[in-house]
Amino acid sequence: MDSANVFSAPSADSSVAATLWYGFEIKDSGMHSDFASIDKGFVSKSLLVTFTPITPKTVKIQAEKGYFFSTASSESTGRGFAAKNSLVQVVGESGDWYYGSTKDSNGKVLVGFVSKTVAY
């Protein structure tokens, strides 16, 4: 999914107040079990991806291709790939995955999870 609706109330039946793009950082107040509360409204927690923030660093794609995914799983939606030796700016991790960004061969920015077995 590339975007998420921000609802005016903690319900998918309420009006859409805004739309957020993939990779938008959300800090949840923790007041609702199914929705994250942000200053613009409410986002369904089923759309959120979590990772542990780390000190930003640069890693390099070591395999022929480094595939980026929307969650920390190769079973999730693929976002694209970066070629061998591409530099990836990482800001988080989730198990054996880094969360970060790079550019693909067409100059398109890729944001998502890349396996630590191919990027280090």
PDB file of N, CA and C in Angstrom:
ATOM      1  N   MET A   1       0.853  -1.169   0.000  1.00  0.00           N
ATOM      2  CA  MET A   1       0.000   0.000   0.000  1.00  0.00           C
ATOM      3  C   MET A   1       0.902   1.236   0.000  1.00  0.00           C
ATOM      4  N   ASP A   2       0.595   2.210  -0.853  1.00  0.00           N
ATOM      5  CA  ASP A   2       1.424   3.398  -0.967  1.00  0.00           C
ATOM      6  C   ASP A   2       0.921   4.588  -0.171  1.00  0.00           C
ATOM      7  N   SER A   3      -0.309   4.493   0.336  1.00  0.00           N
ATOM      8  CA  SER A   3      -0.846   5.595   1.119  1.00  0.00           C
ATOM      9  C   SER A   3      -1.864   5.061   2.124  1.00  0.00           C
ATOM     10  N   ALA A   4      -2.203   5.910   3.085  1.00  0.00           N
ATOM     11  CA  ALA A   4      -3.169   5.534   4.120  1.00  0.00           C
ATOM     12  C   ALA A   4      -4.101   6.705   4.379  1.00  0.00           C
ATOM     13  N   ASN A   5      -5.367   6.403   4.547  1.00  0.00           N
ATOM     14  CA  ASN A   5      -6.334   7.442   4.883  1.00  0.00           C
ATOM     15  C   ASN A   5      -6.198   7.828   6.345  1.00  0.00           C
ATOM     16  N   VAL A   6      -6.344   9.118   6.606  1.00  0.00           N
ATOM     17  CA  VAL A   6      -6.408   9.646   7.967  1.00  0.00           C
ATOM     18  C   VAL A   6      -7.866  10.033   8.181  1.00  0.00           C
ATOM     19  N   PHE A   7      -8.501   9.381   9.152  1.00  0.00           N
ATOM     20  CA  PHE A   7      -9.920   9.604   9.411  1.00  0.00           C
ATOM     21  C   PHE A   7     -10.117  10.684  10.473  1.00  0.00           C
ATOM     22  N   SER A   8     -11.253  11.354  10.423  1.00  0.00           N
ATOM     23  CA  SER A   8     -11.544  12.421  11.374  1.00  0.00           C
ATOM     24  C   SER A   8     -11.884  11.889  12.765  1.00  0.00           C
ATOM     25  N   ALA A   9     -12.257  10.612  12.863  1.00  0.00           N
ATOM     26  CA  ALA A   9     -12.567   9.956  14.136  1.00  0.00           C
ATOM     27  C   ALA A   9     -11.976   8.546  14.091  1.00  0.00           C
ATOM     28  N   PRO A  10     -11.832   7.877  15.234  1.00  0.00           N
ATOM     29  CA  PRO A  10     -11.246   6.530  15.239  1.00  0.00           C
ATOM     30  C   PRO A  10     -12.206   5.469  14.697  1.00  0.00           C
ATOM     31  N   SER A  11     -12.617   5.659  13.435  1.00  0.00           N
ATOM     32  CA  SER A  11     -13.523   4.734  12.766  1.00  0.00           C
ATOM     33  C   SER A  11     -13.347   4.870  11.263  1.00  0.00           C
ATOM     34  N   ALA A  12     -13.294   3.746  10.559  1.00  0.00           N
ATOM     35  CA  ALA A  12     -13.173   3.773   9.097  1.00  0.00           C
ATOM     36  C   ALA A  12     -14.448   4.300   8.449  1.00  0.00           C
ATOM     37  N   ASP A  13     -15.512   4.429   9.211  1.00  0.00           N
ATOM     38  CA  ASP A  13     -16.764   4.974   8.696  1.00  0.00           C
ATOM     39  C   ASP A  13     -16.802   6.499   8.769  1.00  0.00           C
ATOM     40  N   SER A  14     -15.823   7.107   9.419  1.00  0.00           N
ATOM     41  CA  SER A  14     -15.799   8.569   9.529  1.00  0.00           C
ATOM     42  C   SER A  14     -15.193   9.172   8.257  1.00  0.00           C
ATOM     43  N   SER A  15     -15.281  10.484   8.133  1.00  0.00           N
ATOM     44  CA  SER A  15     -14.779  11.152   6.931  1.00  0.00           C
ATOM     45  C   SER A  15     -13.245  11.127   6.886  1.00  0.00           C
ATOM     46  N   VAL A  16     -12.714  11.156   5.666  1.00  0.00           N
ATOM     47  CA  VAL A  16     -11.262  11.161   5.456  1.00  0.00           C
ATOM     48  C   VAL A  16     -10.771  12.598   5.568  1.00  0.00           C
ATOM     49  N   ALA A  17      -9.858  12.829   6.514  1.00  0.00           N
ATOM     50  CA  ALA A  17      -9.341  14.172   6.763  1.00  0.00           C
ATOM     51  C   ALA A  17      -8.080  14.460   5.954  1.00  0.00           C
ATOM     52  N   ALA A  18      -7.316  13.409   5.632  1.00  0.00           N
ATOM     53  CA  ALA A  18      -6.055  13.577   4.895  1.00  0.00           C
ATOM     54  C   ALA A  18      -5.596  12.209   4.417  1.00  0.00           C
ATOM     55  N   THR A  19      -4.536  12.200   3.631  1.00  0.00           N
ATOM     56  CA  THR A  19      -3.924  10.961   3.164  1.00  0.00           C
ATOM     57  C   THR A  19      -2.423  11.059   3.422  1.00  0.00           C
ATOM     58  N   LEU A  20      -1.848   9.989   3.954  1.00  0.00           N
ATOM     59  CA  LEU A  20      -0.408   9.943   4.215  1.00  0.00           C
ATOM     60  C   LEU A  20       0.252   8.993   3.232  1.00  0.00           C
ATOM     61  N   TRP A  21       1.488   9.286   2.830  1.00  0.00           N
ATOM     62  CA  TRP A  21       2.231   8.435   1.925  1.00  0.00           C
ATOM     63  C   TRP A  21       2.990   7.360   2.689  1.00  0.00           C
ATOM     64  N   TYR A  22       3.384   6.309   1.966  1.00  0.00           N
ATOM     65  CA  TYR A  22       4.172   5.235   2.566  1.00  0.00           C
ATOM     66  C   TYR A  22       5.456   5.824   3.138  1.00  0.00           C
ATOM     67  N   GLY A  23       5.799   5.440   4.338  1.00  0.00           N
ATOM     68  CA  GLY A  23       7.020   5.912   4.971  1.00  0.00           C
ATOM     69  C   GLY A  23       6.820   7.087   5.903  1.00  0.00           C
ATOM     70  N   PHE A  24       5.611   7.621   5.995  1.00  0.00           N
ATOM     71  CA  PHE A  24       5.332   8.733   6.897  1.00  0.00           C
ATOM     72  C   PHE A  24       5.460   8.236   8.327  1.00  0.00           C
ATOM     73  N   GLU A  25       6.231   8.930   9.126  1.00  0.00           N
ATOM     74  CA  GLU A  25       6.453   8.502  10.512  1.00  0.00           C
ATOM     75  C   GLU A  25       5.292   8.934  11.389  1.00  0.00           C
ATOM     76  N   ILE A  26       4.778   7.982  12.154  1.00  0.00           N
ATOM     77  CA  ILE A  26       3.659   8.236  13.059  1.00  0.00           C
ATOM     78  C   ILE A  26       4.082   7.906  14.482  1.00  0.00           C
ATOM     79  N   LYS A  27       3.786   8.805  15.389  1.00  0.00           N
ATOM     80  CA  LYS A  27       3.992   8.541  16.807  1.00  0.00           C
ATOM     81  C   LYS A  27       2.617   8.462  17.438  1.00  0.00           C
ATOM     82  N   ASP A  28       2.247   7.272  17.827  1.00  0.00           N
ATOM     83  CA  ASP A  28       0.913   6.998  18.358  1.00  0.00           C
ATOM     84  C   ASP A  28       0.812   7.388  19.828  1.00  0.00           C
ATOM     85  N   SER A  29      -0.297   8.023  20.176  1.00  0.00           N
ATOM     86  CA  SER A  29      -0.529   8.384  21.573  1.00  0.00           C
ATOM     87  C   SER A  29      -0.921   7.168  22.398  1.00  0.00           C
ATOM     88  N   GLY A  30      -1.319   6.071  21.732  1.00  0.00           N
ATOM     89  CA  GLY A  30      -1.671   4.839  22.430  1.00  0.00           C
ATOM     90  C   GLY A  30      -3.038   4.846  23.084  1.00  0.00           C
ATOM     91  N   MET A  31      -3.888   5.788  22.730  1.00  0.00           N
ATOM     92  CA  MET A  31      -5.188   5.907  23.380  1.00  0.00           C
ATOM     93  C   MET A  31      -6.267   5.009  22.768  1.00  0.00           C
ATOM     94  N   HIS A  32      -6.048   4.493  21.560  1.00  0.00           N
ATOM     95  CA  HIS A  32      -7.048   3.661  20.893  1.00  0.00           C
ATOM     96  C   HIS A  32      -6.409   2.334  20.479  1.00  0.00           C
ATOM     97  N   SER A  33      -7.141   1.252  20.618  1.00  0.00           N
ATOM     98  CA  SER A  33      -6.557  -0.058  20.303  1.00  0.00           C
ATOM     99  C   SER A  33      -6.434  -0.322  18.811  1.00  0.00           C
ATOM    100  N   ASP A  34      -7.343   0.202  17.981  1.00  0.00           N
ATOM    101  CA  ASP A  34      -7.321  -0.096  16.556  1.00  0.00           C
ATOM    102  C   ASP A  34      -6.834   1.054  15.680  1.00  0.00           C
ATOM    103  N   PHE A  35      -6.719   2.255  16.250  1.00  0.00           N
ATOM    104  CA  PHE A  35      -6.320   3.426  15.480  1.00  0.00           C
ATOM    105  C   PHE A  35      -5.199   4.182  16.177  1.00  0.00           C
ATOM    106  N   ALA A  36      -4.260   4.656  15.383  1.00  0.00           N
ATOM    107  CA  ALA A  36      -3.204   5.528  15.902  1.00  0.00           C
ATOM    108  C   ALA A  36      -3.726   6.960  15.835  1.00  0.00           C
ATOM    109  N   SER A  37      -3.559   7.682  16.908  1.00  0.00           N
ATOM    110  CA  SER A  37      -3.995   9.069  16.971  1.00  0.00           C
ATOM    111  C   SER A  37      -2.819   9.971  16.622  1.00  0.00           C
ATOM    112  N   ILE A  38      -3.009  10.810  15.590  1.00  0.00           N
ATOM    113  CA  ILE A  38      -1.981  11.775  15.201  1.00  0.00           C
ATOM    114  C   ILE A  38      -2.637  13.146  15.138  1.00  0.00           C
ATOM    115  N   ASP A  39      -1.849  14.204  14.935  1.00  0.00           N
ATOM    116  CA  ASP A  39      -2.427  15.549  14.952  1.00  0.00           C
ATOM    117  C   ASP A  39      -3.449  15.786  13.841  1.00  0.00           C
ATOM    118  N   LYS A  40      -3.375  15.050  12.736  1.00  0.00           N
ATOM    119  CA  LYS A  40      -4.311  15.229  11.625  1.00  0.00           C
ATOM    120  C   LYS A  40      -5.584  14.392  11.779  1.00  0.00           C
ATOM    121  N   GLY A  41      -5.586  13.401  12.687  1.00  0.00           N
ATOM    122  CA  GLY A  41      -6.735  12.529  12.853  1.00  0.00           C
ATOM    123  C   GLY A  41      -6.325  11.138  13.318  1.00  0.00           C
ATOM    124  N   PHE A  42      -6.884  10.100  12.675  1.00  0.00           N
ATOM    125  CA  PHE A  42      -6.678   8.721  13.114  1.00  0.00           C
ATOM    126  C   PHE A  42      -6.343   7.812  11.924  1.00  0.00           C
ATOM    127  N   VAL A  43      -5.353   6.933  12.117  1.00  0.00           N
ATOM    128  CA  VAL A  43      -4.922   5.993  11.085  1.00  0.00           C
ATOM    129  C   VAL A  43      -5.091   4.580  11.631  1.00  0.00           C
ATOM    130  N   SER A  44      -5.637   3.694  10.790  1.00  0.00           N
ATOM    131  CA  SER A  44      -5.807   2.298  11.205  1.00  0.00           C
ATOM    132  C   SER A  44      -4.453   1.667  11.510  1.00  0.00           C
ATOM    133  N   LYS A  45      -4.344   1.036  12.683  1.00  0.00           N
ATOM    134  CA  LYS A  45      -3.084   0.388  13.057  1.00  0.00           C
ATOM    135  C   LYS A  45      -2.775  -0.814  12.171  1.00  0.00           C
ATOM    136  N   SER A  46      -3.773  -1.334  11.473  1.00  0.00           N
ATOM    137  CA  SER A  46      -3.522  -2.461  10.565  1.00  0.00           C
ATOM    138  C   SER A  46      -2.657  -2.048   9.385  1.00  0.00           C
ATOM    139  N   LEU A  47      -2.524  -0.753   9.133  1.00  0.00           N
ATOM    140  CA  LEU A  47      -1.712  -0.249   8.028  1.00  0.00           C
ATOM    141  C   LEU A  47      -0.306   0.157   8.456  1.00  0.00           C
ATOM    142  N   LEU A  48      -0.037   0.107   9.758  1.00  0.00           N
ATOM    143  CA  LEU A  48       1.253   0.594  10.259  1.00  0.00           C
ATOM    144  C   LEU A  48       2.307  -0.504  10.254  1.00  0.00           C
ATOM    145  N   VAL A  49       3.521  -0.105   9.971  1.00  0.00           N
ATOM    146  CA  VAL A  49       4.686  -0.976  10.000  1.00  0.00           C
ATOM    147  C   VAL A  49       5.590  -0.439  11.105  1.00  0.00           C
ATOM    148  N   THR A  50       6.066  -1.323  11.961  1.00  0.00           N
ATOM    149  CA  THR A  50       6.919  -0.863  13.048  1.00  0.00           C
ATOM    150  C   THR A  50       8.338  -1.384  12.894  1.00  0.00           C
ATOM    151  N   PHE A  51       9.271  -0.611  13.392  1.00  0.00           N
ATOM    152  CA  PHE A  51      10.674  -0.991  13.429  1.00  0.00           C
ATOM    153  C   PHE A  51      11.318  -0.264  14.592  1.00  0.00           C
ATOM    154  N   THR A  52      12.462  -0.760  15.013  1.00  0.00           N
ATOM    155  CA  THR A  52      13.212  -0.129  16.089  1.00  0.00           C
ATOM    156  C   THR A  52      14.163   0.899  15.479  1.00  0.00           C
ATOM    157  N   PRO A  53      14.044   2.167  15.858  1.00  0.00           N
ATOM    158  CA  PRO A  53      14.969   3.167  15.315  1.00  0.00           C
ATOM    159  C   PRO A  53      16.407   2.861  15.745  1.00  0.00           C
ATOM    160  N   ILE A  54      17.332   3.083  14.838  1.00  0.00           N
ATOM    161  CA  ILE A  54      18.756   2.920  15.126  1.00  0.00           C
ATOM    162  C   ILE A  54      19.474   4.196  14.715  1.00  0.00           C
ATOM    163  N   THR A  55      20.709   4.337  15.148  1.00  0.00           N
ATOM    164  CA  THR A  55      21.520   5.452  14.681  1.00  0.00           C
ATOM    165  C   THR A  55      21.663   5.302  13.174  1.00  0.00           C
ATOM    166  N   PRO A  56      21.274   6.309  12.391  1.00  0.00           N
ATOM    167  CA  PRO A  56      21.350   6.180  10.937  1.00  0.00           C
ATOM    168  C   PRO A  56      22.751   5.770  10.484  1.00  0.00           C
ATOM    169  N   LYS A  57      22.778   4.888   9.493  1.00  0.00           N
ATOM    170  CA  LYS A  57      24.048   4.451   8.930  1.00  0.00           C
ATOM    171  C   LYS A  57      23.840   4.064   7.480  1.00  0.00           C
ATOM    172  N   THR A  58      24.946   3.844   6.778  1.00  0.00           N
ATOM    173  CA  THR A  58      24.909   3.452   5.378  1.00  0.00           C
ATOM    174  C   THR A  58      25.409   2.027   5.252  1.00  0.00           C
ATOM    175  N   VAL A  59      24.640   1.202   4.520  1.00  0.00           N
ATOM    176  CA  VAL A  59      25.055  -0.157   4.204  1.00  0.00           C
ATOM    177  C   VAL A  59      25.066  -0.288   2.679  1.00  0.00           C
ATOM    178  N   LYS A  60      25.634  -1.384   2.190  1.00  0.00           N
ATOM    179  CA  LYS A  60      25.756  -1.579   0.751  1.00  0.00           C
ATOM    180  C   LYS A  60      25.086  -2.878   0.340  1.00  0.00           C
ATOM    181  N   ILE A  61      24.407  -2.861  -0.798  1.00  0.00           N
ATOM    182  CA  ILE A  61      23.815  -4.084  -1.347  1.00  0.00           C
ATOM    183  C   ILE A  61      24.963  -4.987  -1.790  1.00  0.00           C
ATOM    184  N   GLN A  62      25.030  -6.196  -1.220  1.00  0.00           N
ATOM    185  CA  GLN A  62      26.127  -7.121  -1.500  1.00  0.00           C
ATOM    186  C   GLN A  62      25.744  -8.194  -2.522  1.00  0.00           C
ATOM    187  N   ALA A  63      24.437  -8.413  -2.736  1.00  0.00           N
ATOM    188  CA  ALA A  63      23.964  -9.402  -3.712  1.00  0.00           C
ATOM    189  C   ALA A  63      23.767  -8.702  -5.059  1.00  0.00           C
ATOM    190  N   GLU A  64      23.443  -9.462  -6.088  1.00  0.00           N
ATOM    191  CA  GLU A  64      23.197  -8.866  -7.407  1.00  0.00           C
ATOM    192  C   GLU A  64      22.038  -7.884  -7.370  1.00  0.00           C
ATOM    193  N   LYS A  65      21.022  -8.185  -6.555  1.00  0.00           N
ATOM    194  CA  LYS A  65      19.874  -7.299  -6.374  1.00  0.00           C
ATOM    195  C   LYS A  65      19.473  -7.305  -4.903  1.00  0.00           C
ATOM    196  N   GLY A  66      19.137  -6.145  -4.407  1.00  0.00           N
ATOM    197  CA  GLY A  66      18.610  -6.033  -3.051  1.00  0.00           C
ATOM    198  C   GLY A  66      17.151  -5.625  -3.136  1.00  0.00           C
ATOM    199  N   TYR A  67      16.271  -6.556  -2.822  1.00  0.00           N
ATOM    200  CA  TYR A  67      14.835  -6.298  -2.923  1.00  0.00           C
ATOM    201  C   TYR A  67      14.320  -5.570  -1.689  1.00  0.00           C
ATOM    202  N   PHE A  68      13.455  -4.591  -1.921  1.00  0.00           N
ATOM    203  CA  PHE A  68      12.825  -3.823  -0.849  1.00  0.00           C
ATOM    204  C   PHE A  68      11.365  -4.248  -0.731  1.00  0.00           C
ATOM    205  N   PHE A  69      10.908  -4.403   0.522  1.00  0.00           N
ATOM    206  CA  PHE A  69       9.548  -4.861   0.795  1.00  0.00           C
ATOM    207  C   PHE A  69       8.833  -3.877   1.705  1.00  0.00           C
ATOM    208  N   SER A  70       7.503  -3.922   1.683  1.00  0.00           N
ATOM    209  CA  SER A  70       6.707  -2.991   2.489  1.00  0.00           C
ATOM    210  C   SER A  70       6.728  -3.329   3.976  1.00  0.00           C
ATOM    211  N   THR A  71       6.985  -4.598   4.331  1.00  0.00           N
ATOM    212  CA  THR A  71       7.142  -4.996   5.724  1.00  0.00           C
ATOM    213  C   THR A  71       8.405  -5.837   5.835  1.00  0.00           C
ATOM    214  N   ALA A  72       8.750  -6.212   7.046  1.00  0.00           N
ATOM    215  CA  ALA A  72       9.961  -7.011   7.281  1.00  0.00           C
ATOM    216  C   ALA A  72       9.697  -8.481   6.960  1.00  0.00           C
ATOM    217  N   SER A  73       9.309  -8.744   5.700  1.00  0.00           N
ATOM    218  CA  SER A  73       9.024 -10.099   5.248  1.00  0.00           C
ATOM    219  C   SER A  73       9.067 -10.141   3.726  1.00  0.00           C
ATOM    220  N   SER A  74       9.694 -11.165   3.179  1.00  0.00           N
ATOM    221  CA  SER A  74       9.719 -11.308   1.721  1.00  0.00           C
ATOM    222  C   SER A  74       8.353 -11.733   1.186  1.00  0.00           C
ATOM    223  N   GLU A  75       7.413 -12.027   2.081  1.00  0.00           N
ATOM    224  CA  GLU A  75       6.045 -12.363   1.680  1.00  0.00           C
ATOM    225  C   GLU A  75       5.195 -11.104   1.482  1.00  0.00           C
ATOM    226  N   SER A  76       5.703  -9.950   1.886  1.00  0.00           N
ATOM    227  CA  SER A  76       4.929  -8.714   1.748  1.00  0.00           C
ATOM    228  C   SER A  76       5.110  -8.130   0.345  1.00  0.00           C
ATOM    229  N   THR A  77       4.442  -7.024   0.102  1.00  0.00           N
ATOM    230  CA  THR A  77       4.483  -6.375  -1.201  1.00  0.00           C
ATOM    231  C   THR A  77       5.897  -5.890  -1.524  1.00  0.00           C
ATOM    232  N   GLY A  78       6.388  -6.249  -2.704  1.00  0.00           N
ATOM    233  CA  GLY A  78       7.693  -5.769  -3.157  1.00  0.00           C
ATOM    234  C   GLY A  78       7.605  -4.319  -3.583  1.00  0.00           C
ATOM    235  N   ARG A  79       8.624  -3.544  -3.254  1.00  0.00           N
ATOM    236  CA  ARG A  79       8.645  -2.128  -3.594  1.00  0.00           C
ATOM    237  C   ARG A  79       9.630  -1.826  -4.704  1.00  0.00           C
ATOM    238  N   GLY A  80      10.465  -2.825  -5.075  1.00  0.00           N
ATOM    239  CA  GLY A  80      11.474  -2.630  -6.107  1.00  0.00           C
ATOM    240  C   GLY A  80      12.793  -3.194  -5.636  1.00  0.00           C
ATOM    241  N   PHE A  81      13.853  -2.954  -6.422  1.00  0.00           N
ATOM    242  CA  PHE A  81      15.161  -3.464  -6.019  1.00  0.00           C
ATOM    243  C   PHE A  81      16.259  -2.476  -6.387  1.00  0.00           C
ATOM    244  N   ALA A  82      17.362  -2.605  -5.680  1.00  0.00           N
ATOM    245  CA  ALA A  82      18.562  -1.814  -5.949  1.00  0.00           C
ATOM    246  C   ALA A  82      19.652  -2.776  -6.411  1.00  0.00           C
ATOM    247  N   ALA A  83      20.512  -2.304  -7.293  1.00  0.00           N
ATOM    248  CA  ALA A  83      21.586  -3.124  -7.851  1.00  0.00           C
ATOM    249  C   ALA A  83      22.723  -3.313  -6.851  1.00  0.00           C
ATOM    250  N   LYS A  84      23.565  -4.296  -7.143  1.00  0.00           N
ATOM    251  CA  LYS A  84      24.741  -4.571  -6.317  1.00  0.00           C
ATOM    252  C   LYS A  84      25.573  -3.300  -6.148  1.00  0.00           C
ATOM    253  N   ASN A  85      26.111  -3.121  -4.963  1.00  0.00           N
ATOM    254  CA  ASN A  85      26.942  -1.978  -4.556  1.00  0.00           C
ATOM    255  C   ASN A  85      26.169  -0.682  -4.336  1.00  0.00           C
ATOM    256  N   SER A  86      24.835  -0.705  -4.464  1.00  0.00           N
ATOM    257  CA  SER A  86      24.044   0.485  -4.146  1.00  0.00           C
ATOM    258  C   SER A  86      24.136   0.762  -2.654  1.00  0.00           C
ATOM    259  N   LEU A  87      24.205   2.032  -2.311  1.00  0.00           N
ATOM    260  CA  LEU A  87      24.244   2.423  -0.901  1.00  0.00           C
ATOM    261  C   LEU A  87      22.831   2.627  -0.387  1.00  0.00           C
ATOM    262  N   VAL A  88      22.581   2.133   0.820  1.00  0.00           N
ATOM    263  CA  VAL A  88      21.264   2.231   1.444  1.00  0.00           C
ATOM    264  C   VAL A  88      21.421   2.978   2.760  1.00  0.00           C
ATOM    265  N   GLN A  89      20.617   4.025   2.932  1.00  0.00           N
ATOM    266  CA  GLN A  89      20.601   4.783   4.175  1.00  0.00           C
ATOM    267  C   GLN A  89      19.578   4.130   5.089  1.00  0.00           C
ATOM    268  N   VAL A  90      20.022   3.508   6.176  1.00  0.00           N
ATOM    269  CA  VAL A  90      19.097   2.818   7.072  1.00  0.00           C
ATOM    270  C   VAL A  90      18.902   3.606   8.364  1.00  0.00           C
ATOM    271  N   VAL A  91      17.648   3.571   8.863  1.00  0.00           N
ATOM    272  CA  VAL A  91      17.296   4.298  10.080  1.00  0.00           C
ATOM    273  C   VAL A  91      16.602   3.418  11.111  1.00  0.00           C
ATOM    274  N   GLY A  92      16.354   2.142  10.724  1.00  0.00           N
ATOM    275  CA  GLY A  92      15.671   1.244  11.642  1.00  0.00           C
ATOM    276  C   GLY A  92      15.932  -0.203  11.300  1.00  0.00           C
ATOM    277  N   GLU A  93      15.513  -1.074  12.217  1.00  0.00           N
ATOM    278  CA  GLU A  93      15.641  -2.502  11.965  1.00  0.00           C
ATOM    279  C   GLU A  93      14.493  -3.251  12.627  1.00  0.00           C
ATOM    280  N   SER A  94      14.226  -4.426  12.076  1.00  0.00           N
ATOM    281  CA  SER A  94      13.203  -5.314  12.612  1.00  0.00           C
ATOM    282  C   SER A  94      13.713  -6.727  12.379  1.00  0.00           C
ATOM    283  N   GLY A  95      14.263  -7.342  13.421  1.00  0.00           N
ATOM    284  CA  GLY A  95      14.839  -8.675  13.273  1.00  0.00           C
ATOM    285  C   GLY A  95      15.986  -8.678  12.276  1.00  0.00           C
ATOM    286  N   ASP A  96      15.849  -9.476  11.225  1.00  0.00           N
ATOM    287  CA  ASP A  96      16.893  -9.605  10.203  1.00  0.00           C
ATOM    288  C   ASP A  96      16.720  -8.636   9.046  1.00  0.00           C
ATOM    289  N   TRP A  97      16.023  -7.537   9.274  1.00  0.00           N
ATOM    290  CA  TRP A  97      15.725  -6.566   8.223  1.00  0.00           C
ATOM    291  C   TRP A  97      16.128  -5.162   8.641  1.00  0.00           C
ATOM    292  N   TYR A  98      16.604  -4.401   7.671  1.00  0.00           N
ATOM    293  CA  TYR A  98      16.834  -2.968   7.844  1.00  0.00           C
ATOM    294  C   TYR A  98      15.677  -2.212   7.214  1.00  0.00           C
ATOM    295  N   TYR A  99      15.363  -1.051   7.780  1.00  0.00           N
ATOM    296  CA  TYR A  99      14.404  -0.135   7.176  1.00  0.00           C
ATOM    297  C   TYR A  99      15.195   1.069   6.695  1.00  0.00           C
ATOM    298  N   GLY A 100      15.084   1.363   5.411  1.00  0.00           N
ATOM    299  CA  GLY A 100      15.846   2.479   4.881  1.00  0.00           C
ATOM    300  C   GLY A 100      15.440   2.844   3.472  1.00  0.00           C
ATOM    301  N   SER A 101      16.316   3.601   2.809  1.00  0.00           N
ATOM    302  CA  SER A 101      16.008   4.070   1.461  1.00  0.00           C
ATOM    303  C   SER A 101      17.255   4.111   0.596  1.00  0.00           C
ATOM    304  N   THR A 102      17.020   4.026  -0.699  1.00  0.00           N
ATOM    305  CA  THR A 102      18.061   4.129  -1.717  1.00  0.00           C
ATOM    306  C   THR A 102      17.377   4.529  -3.010  1.00  0.00           C
ATOM    307  N   LYS A 103      18.134   4.598  -4.096  1.00  0.00           N
ATOM    308  CA  LYS A 103      17.554   4.853  -5.417  1.00  0.00           C
ATOM    309  C   LYS A 103      17.769   3.622  -6.287  1.00  0.00           C
ATOM    310  N   ASP A 104      16.764   3.319  -7.123  1.00  0.00           N
ATOM    311  CA  ASP A 104      16.919   2.207  -8.054  1.00  0.00           C
ATOM    312  C   ASP A 104      17.670   2.697  -9.298  1.00  0.00           C
ATOM    313  N   SER A 105      17.835   1.826 -10.293  1.00  0.00           N
ATOM    314  CA  SER A 105      18.612   2.174 -11.491  1.00  0.00           C
ATOM    315  C   SER A 105      17.973   3.289 -12.315  1.00  0.00           C
ATOM    316  N   ASN A 106      16.691   3.570 -12.093  1.00  0.00           N
ATOM    317  CA  ASN A 106      15.994   4.653 -12.802  1.00  0.00           C
ATOM    318  C   ASN A 106      15.970   5.947 -11.999  1.00  0.00           C
ATOM    319  N   GLY A 107      16.613   5.957 -10.839  1.00  0.00           N
ATOM    320  CA  GLY A 107      16.635   7.145  -9.995  1.00  0.00           C
ATOM    321  C   GLY A 107      15.433   7.278  -9.076  1.00  0.00           C
ATOM    322  N   LYS A 108      14.535   6.286  -9.090  1.00  0.00           N
ATOM    323  CA  LYS A 108      13.354   6.307  -8.215  1.00  0.00           C
ATOM    324  C   LYS A 108      13.777   5.954  -6.796  1.00  0.00           C
ATOM    325  N   VAL A 109      13.301   6.715  -5.821  1.00  0.00           N
ATOM    326  CA  VAL A 109      13.626   6.444  -4.421  1.00  0.00           C
ATOM    327  C   VAL A 109      12.826   5.233  -3.943  1.00  0.00           C
ATOM    328  N   LEU A 110      13.533   4.282  -3.370  1.00  0.00           N
ATOM    329  CA  LEU A 110      12.916   3.102  -2.768  1.00  0.00           C
ATOM    330  C   LEU A 110      12.959   3.275  -1.259  1.00  0.00           C
ATOM    331  N   VAL A 111      11.841   3.062  -0.609  1.00  0.00           N
ATOM    332  CA  VAL A 111      11.770   3.113   0.845  1.00  0.00           C
ATOM    333  C   VAL A 111      11.120   1.821   1.295  1.00  0.00           C
ATOM    334  N   GLY A 112      11.745   1.143   2.239  1.00  0.00           N
ATOM    335  CA  GLY A 112      11.163  -0.090   2.751  1.00  0.00           C
ATOM    336  C   GLY A 112      12.177  -0.920   3.496  1.00  0.00           C
ATOM    337  N   PHE A 113      11.866  -2.201   3.598  1.00  0.00           N
ATOM    338  CA  PHE A 113      12.706  -3.150   4.327  1.00  0.00           C
ATOM    339  C   PHE A 113      13.562  -3.939   3.349  1.00  0.00           C
ATOM    340  N   VAL A 114      14.841  -4.083   3.675  1.00  0.00           N
ATOM    341  CA  VAL A 114      15.780  -4.891   2.893  1.00  0.00           C
ATOM    342  C   VAL A 114      16.466  -5.848   3.852  1.00  0.00           C
ATOM    343  N   SER A 115      16.646  -7.065   3.416  1.00  0.00           N
ATOM    344  CA  SER A 115      17.228  -8.096   4.277  1.00  0.00           C
ATOM    345  C   SER A 115      18.680  -7.774   4.629  1.00  0.00           C
ATOM    346  N   LYS A 116      19.041  -8.030   5.893  1.00  0.00           N
ATOM    347  CA  LYS A 116      20.414  -7.830   6.331  1.00  0.00           C
ATOM    348  C   LYS A 116      21.358  -8.837   5.683  1.00  0.00           C
ATOM    349  N   THR A 117      20.814  -9.901   5.070  1.00  0.00           N
ATOM    350  CA  THR A 117      21.686 -10.884   4.399  1.00  0.00           C
ATOM    351  C   THR A 117      22.183 -10.377   3.050  1.00  0.00           C
ATOM    352  N   VAL A 118      21.537  -9.332   2.502  1.00  0.00           N
ATOM    353  CA  VAL A 118      21.988  -8.766   1.236  1.00  0.00           C
ATOM    354  C   VAL A 118      22.502  -7.332   1.372  1.00  0.00           C
ATOM    355  N   ALA A 119      22.184  -6.676   2.456  1.00  0.00           N
ATOM    356  CA  ALA A 119      22.630  -5.288   2.679  1.00  0.00           C
ATOM    357  C   ALA A 119      23.349  -5.218   4.017  1.00  0.00           C
ATOM    358  N   TYR A 120      24.645  -4.966   3.954  1.00  0.00           N
ATOM    359  CA  TYR A 120      25.431  -4.829   5.181  1.00  0.00           C
ATOM    360  C   TYR A 120      26.670  -4.025   4.945  1.00  0.00           C
TER     361      TYR A 120
END
